[in-house]
Amino acid sequence: MAPSARERTDAPSWTFLTNHAHVLLCIATDPEVRLRDVAVRVGITERAVQRIVSDLEEAGYIQRERAGRRNRYTVARELPLRHPMERHRSVSALISLVEEQTPP
């Protein structure tokens, strides 16, 4: 099992983006990503990723489609961000902000 974010010595104690944002960004950059891979990249458990994916799906930010034994996700990029301070920005703007910095 991969070490958690808190167990890694190089992990910061806090970040500017939430785990929900990190999961959404992982899905946006790789629509066929496995949730266990998202968990490793974000530094949280696979169960936590499953809960976040359910939250995002219930709120309409992602759609899940079964493709054989895998899932394929579609991100609703046109939706506004949720917090009142960022509501004037879309999901697409968030993705664009960090997309260039996302490691392969």
PDB file of N, CA and C in Angstrom:
ATOM      1  N   MET A   1       0.844  -1.175   0.000  1.00  0.00           N
ATOM      2  CA  MET A   1       0.000   0.000   0.000  1.00  0.00           C
ATOM      3  C   MET A   1       0.893   1.242   0.000  1.00  0.00           C
ATOM      4  N   ALA A   2       0.545   2.208  -0.786  1.00  0.00           N
ATOM      5  CA  ALA A   2       1.323   3.438  -0.896  1.00  0.00           C
ATOM      6  C   ALA A   2       1.198   4.248   0.390  1.00  0.00           C
ATOM      7  N   PRO A   3       2.268   4.948   0.770  1.00  0.00           N
ATOM      8  CA  PRO A   3       2.190   5.777   1.978  1.00  0.00           C
ATOM      9  C   PRO A   3       1.211   6.925   1.777  1.00  0.00           C
ATOM     10  N   SER A   4       0.562   7.305   2.865  1.00  0.00           N
ATOM     11  CA  SER A   4      -0.378   8.425   2.785  1.00  0.00           C
ATOM     12  C   SER A   4       0.402   9.727   2.652  1.00  0.00           C
ATOM     13  N   ALA A   5      -0.304  10.782   2.310  1.00  0.00           N
ATOM     14  CA  ALA A   5       0.328  12.093   2.144  1.00  0.00           C
ATOM     15  C   ALA A   5       1.007  12.528   3.438  1.00  0.00           C
ATOM     16  N   ARG A   6       0.418  12.208   4.567  1.00  0.00           N
ATOM     17  CA  ARG A   6       1.003  12.616   5.849  1.00  0.00           C
ATOM     18  C   ARG A   6       2.238  11.799   6.197  1.00  0.00           C
ATOM     19  N   GLU A   7       2.317  10.580   5.664  1.00  0.00           N
ATOM     20  CA  GLU A   7       3.465   9.726   5.945  1.00  0.00           C
ATOM     21  C   GLU A   7       4.673  10.099   5.098  1.00  0.00           C
ATOM     22  N   ARG A   8       4.450  10.717   3.960  1.00  0.00           N
ATOM     23  CA  ARG A   8       5.564  11.112   3.102  1.00  0.00           C
ATOM     24  C   ARG A   8       6.231  12.351   3.681  1.00  0.00           C
ATOM     25  N   THR A   9       7.535  12.339   3.740  1.00  0.00           N
ATOM     26  CA  THR A   9       8.249  13.475   4.322  1.00  0.00           C
ATOM     27  C   THR A   9       8.218  14.699   3.430  1.00  0.00           C
ATOM     28  N   ASP A  10       8.020  14.506   2.122  1.00  0.00           N
ATOM     29  CA  ASP A  10       8.007  15.633   1.210  1.00  0.00           C
ATOM     30  C   ASP A  10       6.621  16.247   1.046  1.00  0.00           C
ATOM     31  N   ALA A  11       5.601  15.681   1.685  1.00  0.00           N
ATOM     32  CA  ALA A  11       4.232  16.181   1.540  1.00  0.00           C
ATOM     33  C   ALA A  11       4.031  17.427   2.393  1.00  0.00           C
ATOM     34  N   PRO A  12       3.436  18.464   1.814  1.00  0.00           N
ATOM     35  CA  PRO A  12       3.166  19.672   2.595  1.00  0.00           C
ATOM     36  C   PRO A  12       2.054  19.412   3.608  1.00  0.00           C
ATOM     37  N   SER A  13       2.020  20.199   4.668  1.00  0.00           N
ATOM     38  CA  SER A  13       0.991  20.015   5.687  1.00  0.00           C
ATOM     39  C   SER A  13      -0.363  20.554   5.240  1.00  0.00           C
ATOM     40  N   TRP A  14      -0.376  21.416   4.214  1.00  0.00           N
ATOM     41  CA  TRP A  14      -1.636  21.915   3.645  1.00  0.00           C
ATOM     42  C   TRP A  14      -1.393  22.308   2.204  1.00  0.00           C
ATOM     43  N   THR A  15      -2.488  22.412   1.430  1.00  0.00           N
ATOM     44  CA  THR A  15      -2.388  22.803   0.025  1.00  0.00           C
ATOM     45  C   THR A  15      -3.469  23.831  -0.285  1.00  0.00           C
ATOM     46  N   PHE A  16      -3.318  24.518  -1.400  1.00  0.00           N
ATOM     47  CA  PHE A  16      -4.296  25.522  -1.795  1.00  0.00           C
ATOM     48  C   PHE A  16      -5.574  24.909  -2.355  1.00  0.00           C
ATOM     49  N   LEU A  17      -5.488  23.733  -2.937  1.00  0.00           N
ATOM     50  CA  LEU A  17      -6.652  23.084  -3.528  1.00  0.00           C
ATOM     51  C   LEU A  17      -7.121  21.937  -2.641  1.00  0.00           C
ATOM     52  N   THR A  18      -8.414  21.683  -2.664  1.00  0.00           N
ATOM     53  CA  THR A  18      -8.993  20.600  -1.869  1.00  0.00           C
ATOM     54  C   THR A  18      -8.780  19.252  -2.551  1.00  0.00           C
ATOM     55  N   ASN A  19      -9.046  18.198  -1.813  1.00  0.00           N
ATOM     56  CA  ASN A  19      -8.991  16.861  -2.408  1.00  0.00           C
ATOM     57  C   ASN A  19     -10.012  16.725  -3.529  1.00  0.00           C
ATOM     58  N   HIS A  20     -11.170  17.375  -3.393  1.00  0.00           N
ATOM     59  CA  HIS A  20     -12.168  17.342  -4.463  1.00  0.00           C
ATOM     60  C   HIS A  20     -11.584  17.932  -5.747  1.00  0.00           C
ATOM     61  N   ALA A  21     -10.889  19.050  -5.626  1.00  0.00           N
ATOM     62  CA  ALA A  21     -10.273  19.673  -6.806  1.00  0.00           C
ATOM     63  C   ALA A  21      -9.206  18.760  -7.390  1.00  0.00           C
ATOM     64  N   HIS A  22      -8.393  18.162  -6.540  1.00  0.00           N
ATOM     65  CA  HIS A  22      -7.337  17.275  -7.029  1.00  0.00           C
ATOM     66  C   HIS A  22      -7.916  16.072  -7.770  1.00  0.00           C
ATOM     67  N   VAL A  23      -8.971  15.477  -7.229  1.00  0.00           N
ATOM     68  CA  VAL A  23      -9.606  14.333  -7.889  1.00  0.00           C
ATOM     69  C   VAL A  23     -10.193  14.770  -9.226  1.00  0.00           C
ATOM     70  N   LEU A  24     -10.884  15.898  -9.239  1.00  0.00           N
ATOM     71  CA  LEU A  24     -11.467  16.410 -10.482  1.00  0.00           C
ATOM     72  C   LEU A  24     -10.389  16.656 -11.530  1.00  0.00           C
ATOM     73  N   LEU A  25      -9.274  17.221 -11.127  1.00  0.00           N
ATOM     74  CA  LEU A  25      -8.178  17.495 -12.059  1.00  0.00           C
ATOM     75  C   LEU A  25      -7.577  16.199 -12.607  1.00  0.00           C
ATOM     76  N   CYS A  26      -7.437  15.187 -11.766  1.00  0.00           N
ATOM     77  CA  CYS A  26      -6.932  13.890 -12.241  1.00  0.00           C
ATOM     78  C   CYS A  26      -7.867  13.304 -13.292  1.00  0.00           C
ATOM     79  N   ILE A  27      -9.157  13.379 -13.037  1.00  0.00           N
ATOM     80  CA  ILE A  27     -10.144  12.838 -13.974  1.00  0.00           C
ATOM     81  C   ILE A  27     -10.165  13.656 -15.260  1.00  0.00           C
ATOM     82  N   ALA A  28     -10.038  14.967 -15.140  1.00  0.00           N
ATOM     83  CA  ALA A  28     -10.063  15.831 -16.326  1.00  0.00           C
ATOM     84  C   ALA A  28      -8.873  15.557 -17.239  1.00  0.00           C
ATOM     85  N   THR A  29      -7.719  15.255 -16.654  1.00  0.00           N
ATOM     86  CA  THR A  29      -6.531  15.017 -17.472  1.00  0.00           C
ATOM     87  C   THR A  29      -6.464  13.590 -18.006  1.00  0.00           C
ATOM     88  N   ASP A  30      -7.173  12.658 -17.357  1.00  0.00           N
ATOM     89  CA  ASP A  30      -7.186  11.259 -17.806  1.00  0.00           C
ATOM     90  C   ASP A  30      -8.568  10.666 -17.541  1.00  0.00           C
ATOM     91  N   PRO A  31      -9.502  10.791 -18.484  1.00  0.00           N
ATOM     92  CA  PRO A  31     -10.882  10.342 -18.276  1.00  0.00           C
ATOM     93  C   PRO A  31     -11.047   8.852 -17.981  1.00  0.00           C
ATOM     94  N   GLU A  32     -10.032   8.052 -18.240  1.00  0.00           N
ATOM     95  CA  GLU A  32     -10.115   6.614 -17.973  1.00  0.00           C
ATOM     96  C   GLU A  32      -9.245   6.200 -16.786  1.00  0.00           C
ATOM     97  N   VAL A  33      -8.833   7.157 -15.985  1.00  0.00           N
ATOM     98  CA  VAL A  33      -7.955   6.880 -14.852  1.00  0.00           C
ATOM     99  C   VAL A  33      -8.649   5.944 -13.862  1.00  0.00           C
ATOM    100  N   ARG A  34      -7.872   5.049 -13.264  1.00  0.00           N
ATOM    101  CA  ARG A  34      -8.401   4.163 -12.226  1.00  0.00           C
ATOM    102  C   ARG A  34      -8.392   4.916 -10.900  1.00  0.00           C
ATOM    103  N   LEU A  35      -9.403   4.673 -10.085  1.00  0.00           N
ATOM    104  CA  LEU A  35      -9.509   5.390  -8.819  1.00  0.00           C
ATOM    105  C   LEU A  35      -8.334   5.092  -7.897  1.00  0.00           C
ATOM    106  N   ARG A  36      -7.777   3.896  -7.982  1.00  0.00           N
ATOM    107  CA  ARG A  36      -6.607   3.602  -7.141  1.00  0.00           C
ATOM    108  C   ARG A  36      -5.415   4.467  -7.549  1.00  0.00           C
ATOM    109  N   ASP A  37      -5.310   4.779  -8.853  1.00  0.00           N
ATOM    110  CA  ASP A  37      -4.234   5.654  -9.315  1.00  0.00           C
ATOM    111  C   ASP A  37      -4.471   7.095  -8.870  1.00  0.00           C
ATOM    112  N   VAL A  38      -5.733   7.506  -8.870  1.00  0.00           N
ATOM    113  CA  VAL A  38      -6.072   8.844  -8.364  1.00  0.00           C
ATOM    114  C   VAL A  38      -5.687   8.934  -6.888  1.00  0.00           C
ATOM    115  N   ALA A  39      -6.005   7.900  -6.127  1.00  0.00           N
ATOM    116  CA  ALA A  39      -5.692   7.882  -4.697  1.00  0.00           C
ATOM    117  C   ALA A  39      -4.199   8.077  -4.452  1.00  0.00           C
ATOM    118  N   VAL A  40      -3.380   7.384  -5.228  1.00  0.00           N
ATOM    119  CA  VAL A  40      -1.927   7.503  -5.074  1.00  0.00           C
ATOM    120  C   VAL A  40      -1.468   8.915  -5.429  1.00  0.00           C
ATOM    121  N   ARG A  41      -1.982   9.463  -6.534  1.00  0.00           N
ATOM    122  CA  ARG A  41      -1.563  10.796  -6.974  1.00  0.00           C
ATOM    123  C   ARG A  41      -1.978  11.877  -5.987  1.00  0.00           C
ATOM    124  N   VAL A  42      -3.191  11.750  -5.440  1.00  0.00           N
ATOM    125  CA  VAL A  42      -3.705  12.772  -4.525  1.00  0.00           C
ATOM    126  C   VAL A  42      -3.152  12.566  -3.110  1.00  0.00           C
ATOM    127  N   GLY A  43      -2.841  11.322  -2.768  1.00  0.00           N
ATOM    128  CA  GLY A  43      -2.311  11.038  -1.435  1.00  0.00           C
ATOM    129  C   GLY A  43      -3.399  10.762  -0.414  1.00  0.00           C
ATOM    130  N   ILE A  44      -4.513  10.180  -0.880  1.00  0.00           N
ATOM    131  CA  ILE A  44      -5.618   9.816  -0.001  1.00  0.00           C
ATOM    132  C   ILE A  44      -5.997   8.368  -0.290  1.00  0.00           C
ATOM    133  N   THR A  45      -6.905   7.824   0.503  1.00  0.00           N
ATOM    134  CA  THR A  45      -7.296   6.432   0.302  1.00  0.00           C
ATOM    135  C   THR A  45      -8.206   6.288  -0.916  1.00  0.00           C
ATOM    136  N   GLU A  46      -8.258   5.070  -1.430  1.00  0.00           N
ATOM    137  CA  GLU A  46      -9.148   4.794  -2.559  1.00  0.00           C
ATOM    138  C   GLU A  46     -10.605   5.007  -2.152  1.00  0.00           C
ATOM    139  N   ARG A  47     -10.943   4.670  -0.923  1.00  0.00           N
ATOM    140  CA  ARG A  47     -12.310   4.881  -0.427  1.00  0.00           C
ATOM    141  C   ARG A  47     -12.647   6.373  -0.409  1.00  0.00           C
ATOM    142  N   ALA A  48     -11.705   7.206  -0.003  1.00  0.00           N
ATOM    143  CA  ALA A  48     -11.935   8.654  -0.004  1.00  0.00           C
ATOM    144  C   ALA A  48     -12.164   9.155  -1.427  1.00  0.00           C
ATOM    145  N   VAL A  49     -11.406   8.617  -2.372  1.00  0.00           N
ATOM    146  CA  VAL A  49     -11.593   8.991  -3.781  1.00  0.00           C
ATOM    147  C   VAL A  49     -12.985   8.577  -4.240  1.00  0.00           C
ATOM    148  N   GLN A  50     -13.433   7.387  -3.858  1.00  0.00           N
ATOM    149  CA  GLN A  50     -14.773   6.930  -4.237  1.00  0.00           C
ATOM    150  C   GLN A  50     -15.846   7.879  -3.714  1.00  0.00           C
ATOM    151  N   ARG A  51     -15.692   8.336  -2.465  1.00  0.00           N
ATOM    152  CA  ARG A  51     -16.662   9.283  -1.895  1.00  0.00           C
ATOM    153  C   ARG A  51     -16.649  10.604  -2.652  1.00  0.00           C
ATOM    154  N   ILE A  52     -15.459  11.083  -2.989  1.00  0.00           N
ATOM    155  CA  ILE A  52     -15.337  12.344  -3.723  1.00  0.00           C
ATOM    156  C   ILE A  52     -15.949  12.213  -5.112  1.00  0.00           C
ATOM    157  N   VAL A  53     -15.678  11.105  -5.792  1.00  0.00           N
ATOM    158  CA  VAL A  53     -16.262  10.875  -7.118  1.00  0.00           C
ATOM    159  C   VAL A  53     -17.787  10.863  -7.014  1.00  0.00           C
ATOM    160  N   SER A  54     -18.330  10.244  -5.977  1.00  0.00           N
ATOM    161  CA  SER A  54     -19.785  10.247  -5.770  1.00  0.00           C
ATOM    162  C   SER A  54     -20.301  11.664  -5.556  1.00  0.00           C
ATOM    163  N   ASP A  55     -19.593  12.452  -4.752  1.00  0.00           N
ATOM    164  CA  ASP A  55     -19.974  13.858  -4.537  1.00  0.00           C
ATOM    165  C   ASP A  55     -19.997  14.618  -5.854  1.00  0.00           C
ATOM    166  N   LEU A  56     -18.924  14.470  -6.627  1.00  0.00           N
ATOM    167  CA  LEU A  56     -18.814  15.189  -7.901  1.00  0.00           C
ATOM    168  C   LEU A  56     -19.896  14.745  -8.881  1.00  0.00           C
ATOM    169  N   GLU A  57     -20.196  13.456  -8.867  1.00  0.00           N
ATOM    170  CA  GLU A  57     -21.225  12.929  -9.765  1.00  0.00           C
ATOM    171  C   GLU A  57     -22.617  13.427  -9.355  1.00  0.00           C
ATOM    172  N   GLU A  58     -22.916  13.381  -8.066  1.00  0.00           N
ATOM    173  CA  GLU A  58     -24.212  13.850  -7.567  1.00  0.00           C
ATOM    174  C   GLU A  58     -24.426  15.334  -7.861  1.00  0.00           C
ATOM    175  N   ALA A  59     -23.362  16.122  -7.808  1.00  0.00           N
ATOM    176  CA  ALA A  59     -23.456  17.562  -8.061  1.00  0.00           C
ATOM    177  C   ALA A  59     -23.435  17.893  -9.551  1.00  0.00           C
ATOM    178  N   GLY A  60     -23.222  16.881 -10.399  1.00  0.00           N
ATOM    179  CA  GLY A  60     -23.240  17.094 -11.843  1.00  0.00           C
ATOM    180  C   GLY A  60     -21.918  17.531 -12.444  1.00  0.00           C
ATOM    181  N   TYR A  61     -20.847  17.500 -11.655  1.00  0.00           N
ATOM    182  CA  TYR A  61     -19.542  17.926 -12.166  1.00  0.00           C
ATOM    183  C   TYR A  61     -18.864  16.863 -13.019  1.00  0.00           C
ATOM    184  N   ILE A  62     -19.217  15.602 -12.796  1.00  0.00           N
ATOM    185  CA  ILE A  62     -18.707  14.527 -13.651  1.00  0.00           C
ATOM    186  C   ILE A  62     -19.840  13.562 -13.966  1.00  0.00           C
ATOM    187  N   GLN A  63     -19.670  12.838 -15.064  1.00  0.00           N
ATOM    188  CA  GLN A  63     -20.557  11.736 -15.420  1.00  0.00           C
ATOM    189  C   GLN A  63     -19.685  10.505 -15.585  1.00  0.00           C
ATOM    190  N   ARG A  64     -20.196   9.390 -15.092  1.00  0.00           N
ATOM    191  CA  ARG A  64     -19.466   8.126 -15.173  1.00  0.00           C
ATOM    192  C   ARG A  64     -20.155   7.237 -16.191  1.00  0.00           C
ATOM    193  N   GLU A  65     -19.366   6.663 -17.084  1.00  0.00           N
ATOM    194  CA  GLU A  65     -19.897   5.749 -18.096  1.00  0.00           C
ATOM    195  C   GLU A  65     -19.077   4.471 -18.037  1.00  0.00           C
ATOM    196  N   ARG A  66     -19.755   3.361 -18.003  1.00  0.00           N
ATOM    197  CA  ARG A  66     -19.071   2.067 -17.960  1.00  0.00           C
ATOM    198  C   ARG A  66     -18.521   1.750 -19.343  1.00  0.00           C
ATOM    199  N   ALA A  67     -17.242   1.375 -19.413  1.00  0.00           N
ATOM    200  CA  ALA A  67     -16.593   0.982 -20.668  1.00  0.00           C
ATOM    201  C   ALA A  67     -15.930  -0.370 -20.422  1.00  0.00           C
ATOM    202  N   GLY A  68     -16.690  -1.436 -20.621  1.00  0.00           N
ATOM    203  CA  GLY A  68     -16.169  -2.767 -20.312  1.00  0.00           C
ATOM    204  C   GLY A  68     -16.035  -2.925 -18.812  1.00  0.00           C
ATOM    205  N   ARG A  69     -14.833  -3.210 -18.355  1.00  0.00           N
ATOM    206  CA  ARG A  69     -14.582  -3.366 -16.923  1.00  0.00           C
ATOM    207  C   ARG A  69     -14.105  -2.079 -16.278  1.00  0.00           C
ATOM    208  N   ARG A  70     -13.982  -1.046 -17.053  1.00  0.00           N
ATOM    209  CA  ARG A  70     -13.467   0.245 -16.563  1.00  0.00           C
ATOM    210  C   ARG A  70     -14.561   1.301 -16.606  1.00  0.00           C
ATOM    211  N   ASN A  71     -14.276   2.431 -16.000  1.00  0.00           N
ATOM    212  CA  ASN A  71     -15.155   3.593 -16.083  1.00  0.00           C
ATOM    213  C   ASN A  71     -14.485   4.650 -16.937  1.00  0.00           C
ATOM    214  N   ARG A  72     -15.291   5.404 -17.626  1.00  0.00           N
ATOM    215  CA  ARG A  72     -14.812   6.572 -18.370  1.00  0.00           C
ATOM    216  C   ARG A  72     -15.602   7.756 -17.835  1.00  0.00           C
ATOM    217  N   TYR A  73     -14.889   8.818 -17.513  1.00  0.00           N
ATOM    218  CA  TYR A  73     -15.505   9.985 -16.901  1.00  0.00           C
ATOM    219  C   TYR A  73     -15.531  11.155 -17.872  1.00  0.00           C
ATOM    220  N   THR A  74     -16.592  11.945 -17.778  1.00  0.00           N
ATOM    221  CA  THR A  74     -16.713  13.183 -18.532  1.00  0.00           C
ATOM    222  C   THR A  74     -16.892  14.302 -17.519  1.00  0.00           C
ATOM    223  N   VAL A  75     -16.110  15.354 -17.659  1.00  0.00           N
ATOM    224  CA  VAL A  75     -16.178  16.491 -16.742  1.00  0.00           C
ATOM    225  C   VAL A  75     -17.055  17.574 -17.355  1.00  0.00           C
ATOM    226  N   ALA A  76     -17.970  18.112 -16.559  1.00  0.00           N
ATOM    227  CA  ALA A  76     -18.841  19.215 -16.991  1.00  0.00           C
ATOM    228  C   ALA A  76     -18.062  20.519 -16.808  1.00  0.00           C
ATOM    229  N   ARG A  77     -17.234  20.825 -17.779  1.00  0.00           N
ATOM    230  CA  ARG A  77     -16.312  21.955 -17.685  1.00  0.00           C
ATOM    231  C   ARG A  77     -17.003  23.314 -17.640  1.00  0.00           C
ATOM    232  N   GLU A  78     -18.238  23.387 -18.104  1.00  0.00           N
ATOM    233  CA  GLU A  78     -18.936  24.670 -18.162  1.00  0.00           C
ATOM    234  C   GLU A  78     -19.550  25.081 -16.823  1.00  0.00           C
ATOM    235  N   LEU A  79     -19.639  24.168 -15.875  1.00  0.00           N
ATOM    236  CA  LEU A  79     -20.254  24.487 -14.586  1.00  0.00           C
ATOM    237  C   LEU A  79     -19.390  25.454 -13.785  1.00  0.00           C
ATOM    238  N   PRO A  80     -20.034  26.281 -12.958  1.00  0.00           N
ATOM    239  CA  PRO A  80     -19.263  27.213 -12.123  1.00  0.00           C
ATOM    240  C   PRO A  80     -18.635  26.479 -10.941  1.00  0.00           C
ATOM    241  N   LEU A  81     -17.565  27.040 -10.408  1.00  0.00           N
ATOM    242  CA  LEU A  81     -16.993  26.523  -9.170  1.00  0.00           C
ATOM    243  C   LEU A  81     -18.005  26.771  -8.057  1.00  0.00           C
ATOM    244  N   ARG A  82     -17.920  26.040  -6.977  1.00  0.00           N
ATOM    245  CA  ARG A  82     -18.979  26.049  -5.964  1.00  0.00           C
ATOM    246  C   ARG A  82     -18.898  27.176  -4.944  1.00  0.00           C
ATOM    247  N   HIS A  83     -17.725  27.566  -4.536  1.00  0.00           N
ATOM    248  CA  HIS A  83     -17.605  28.572  -3.478  1.00  0.00           C
ATOM    249  C   HIS A  83     -18.007  29.943  -4.013  1.00  0.00           C
ATOM    250  N   PRO A  84     -18.729  30.743  -3.222  1.00  0.00           N
ATOM    251  CA  PRO A  84     -19.150  32.069  -3.692  1.00  0.00           C
ATOM    252  C   PRO A  84     -18.001  32.951  -4.193  1.00  0.00           C
ATOM    253  N   MET A  85     -16.812  32.791  -3.642  1.00  0.00           N
ATOM    254  CA  MET A  85     -15.674  33.617  -4.078  1.00  0.00           C
ATOM    255  C   MET A  85     -15.178  33.240  -5.472  1.00  0.00           C
ATOM    256  N   GLU A  86     -15.433  32.004  -5.888  1.00  0.00           N
ATOM    257  CA  GLU A  86     -14.970  31.545  -7.201  1.00  0.00           C
ATOM    258  C   GLU A  86     -16.111  31.249  -8.161  1.00  0.00           C
ATOM    259  N   ARG A  87     -17.329  31.484  -7.747  1.00  0.00           N
ATOM    260  CA  ARG A  87     -18.499  31.104  -8.542  1.00  0.00           C
ATOM    261  C   ARG A  87     -18.519  31.748  -9.930  1.00  0.00           C
ATOM    262  N   HIS A  88     -17.821  32.849 -10.095  1.00  0.00           N
ATOM    263  CA  HIS A  88     -17.770  33.527 -11.398  1.00  0.00           C
ATOM    264  C   HIS A  88     -16.822  32.819 -12.367  1.00  0.00           C
ATOM    265  N   ARG A  89     -16.118  31.794 -11.896  1.00  0.00           N
ATOM    266  CA  ARG A  89     -15.198  31.016 -12.728  1.00  0.00           C
ATOM    267  C   ARG A  89     -15.774  29.631 -12.984  1.00  0.00           C
ATOM    268  N   SER A  90     -15.414  29.069 -14.117  1.00  0.00           N
ATOM    269  CA  SER A  90     -15.901  27.731 -14.472  1.00  0.00           C
ATOM    270  C   SER A  90     -14.873  26.663 -14.100  1.00  0.00           C
ATOM    271  N   VAL A  91     -15.328  25.435 -14.116  1.00  0.00           N
ATOM    272  CA  VAL A  91     -14.437  24.292 -13.925  1.00  0.00           C
ATOM    273  C   VAL A  91     -13.340  24.334 -14.984  1.00  0.00           C
ATOM    274  N   SER A  92     -13.703  24.720 -16.184  1.00  0.00           N
ATOM    275  CA  SER A  92     -12.736  24.818 -17.279  1.00  0.00           C
ATOM    276  C   SER A  92     -11.592  25.770 -16.937  1.00  0.00           C
ATOM    277  N   ALA A  93     -11.911  26.880 -16.282  1.00  0.00           N
ATOM    278  CA  ALA A  93     -10.873  27.843 -15.892  1.00  0.00           C
ATOM    279  C   ALA A  93      -9.912  27.225 -14.881  1.00  0.00           C
ATOM    280  N   LEU A  94     -10.442  26.455 -13.942  1.00  0.00           N
ATOM    281  CA  LEU A  94      -9.592  25.776 -12.959  1.00  0.00           C
ATOM    282  C   LEU A  94      -8.682  24.771 -13.652  1.00  0.00           C
ATOM    283  N   ILE A  95      -9.253  23.993 -14.542  1.00  0.00           N
ATOM    284  CA  ILE A  95      -8.466  22.992 -15.267  1.00  0.00           C
ATOM    285  C   ILE A  95      -7.369  23.672 -16.076  1.00  0.00           C
ATOM    286  N   SER A  96      -7.712  24.742 -16.755  1.00  0.00           N
ATOM    287  CA  SER A  96      -6.730  25.473 -17.565  1.00  0.00           C
ATOM    288  C   SER A  96      -5.613  26.047 -16.709  1.00  0.00           C
ATOM    289  N   LEU A  97      -5.953  26.480 -15.511  1.00  0.00           N
ATOM    290  CA  LEU A  97      -4.966  27.074 -14.610  1.00  0.00           C
ATOM    291  C   LEU A  97      -3.857  26.090 -14.252  1.00  0.00           C
ATOM    292  N   VAL A  98      -4.226  24.850 -14.016  1.00  0.00           N
ATOM    293  CA  VAL A  98      -3.232  23.877 -13.551  1.00  0.00           C
ATOM    294  C   VAL A  98      -2.840  22.836 -14.587  1.00  0.00           C
ATOM    295  N   GLU A  99      -3.561  22.772 -15.685  1.00  0.00           N
ATOM    296  CA  GLU A  99      -3.324  21.734 -16.693  1.00  0.00           C
ATOM    297  C   GLU A  99      -1.881  21.707 -17.183  1.00  0.00           C
ATOM    298  N   GLU A 100      -1.297  22.839 -17.430  1.00  0.00           N
ATOM    299  CA  GLU A 100       0.075  22.894 -17.944  1.00  0.00           C
ATOM    300  C   GLU A 100       1.079  22.383 -16.928  1.00  0.00           C
ATOM    301  N   GLN A 101       0.731  22.462 -15.650  1.00  0.00           N
ATOM    302  CA  GLN A 101       1.645  22.067 -14.587  1.00  0.00           C
ATOM    303  C   GLN A 101       1.498  20.606 -14.182  1.00  0.00           C
ATOM    304  N   THR A 102       0.465  19.928 -14.674  1.00  0.00           N
ATOM    305  CA  THR A 102       0.195  18.559 -14.269  1.00  0.00           C
ATOM    306  C   THR A 102       1.241  17.615 -14.846  1.00  0.00           C
ATOM    307  N   PRO A 103       1.896  16.819 -13.978  1.00  0.00           N
ATOM    308  CA  PRO A 103       2.895  15.875 -14.492  1.00  0.00           C
ATOM    309  C   PRO A 103       2.237  14.787 -15.330  1.00  0.00           C
ATOM    310  N   PRO A 104       2.972  14.214 -16.278  1.00  0.00           N
ATOM    311  CA  PRO A 104       2.397  13.170 -17.155  1.00  0.00           C
ATOM    312  C   PRO A 104       2.042  11.912 -16.399  1.00  0.00           C
TER     313      PRO A 104
END
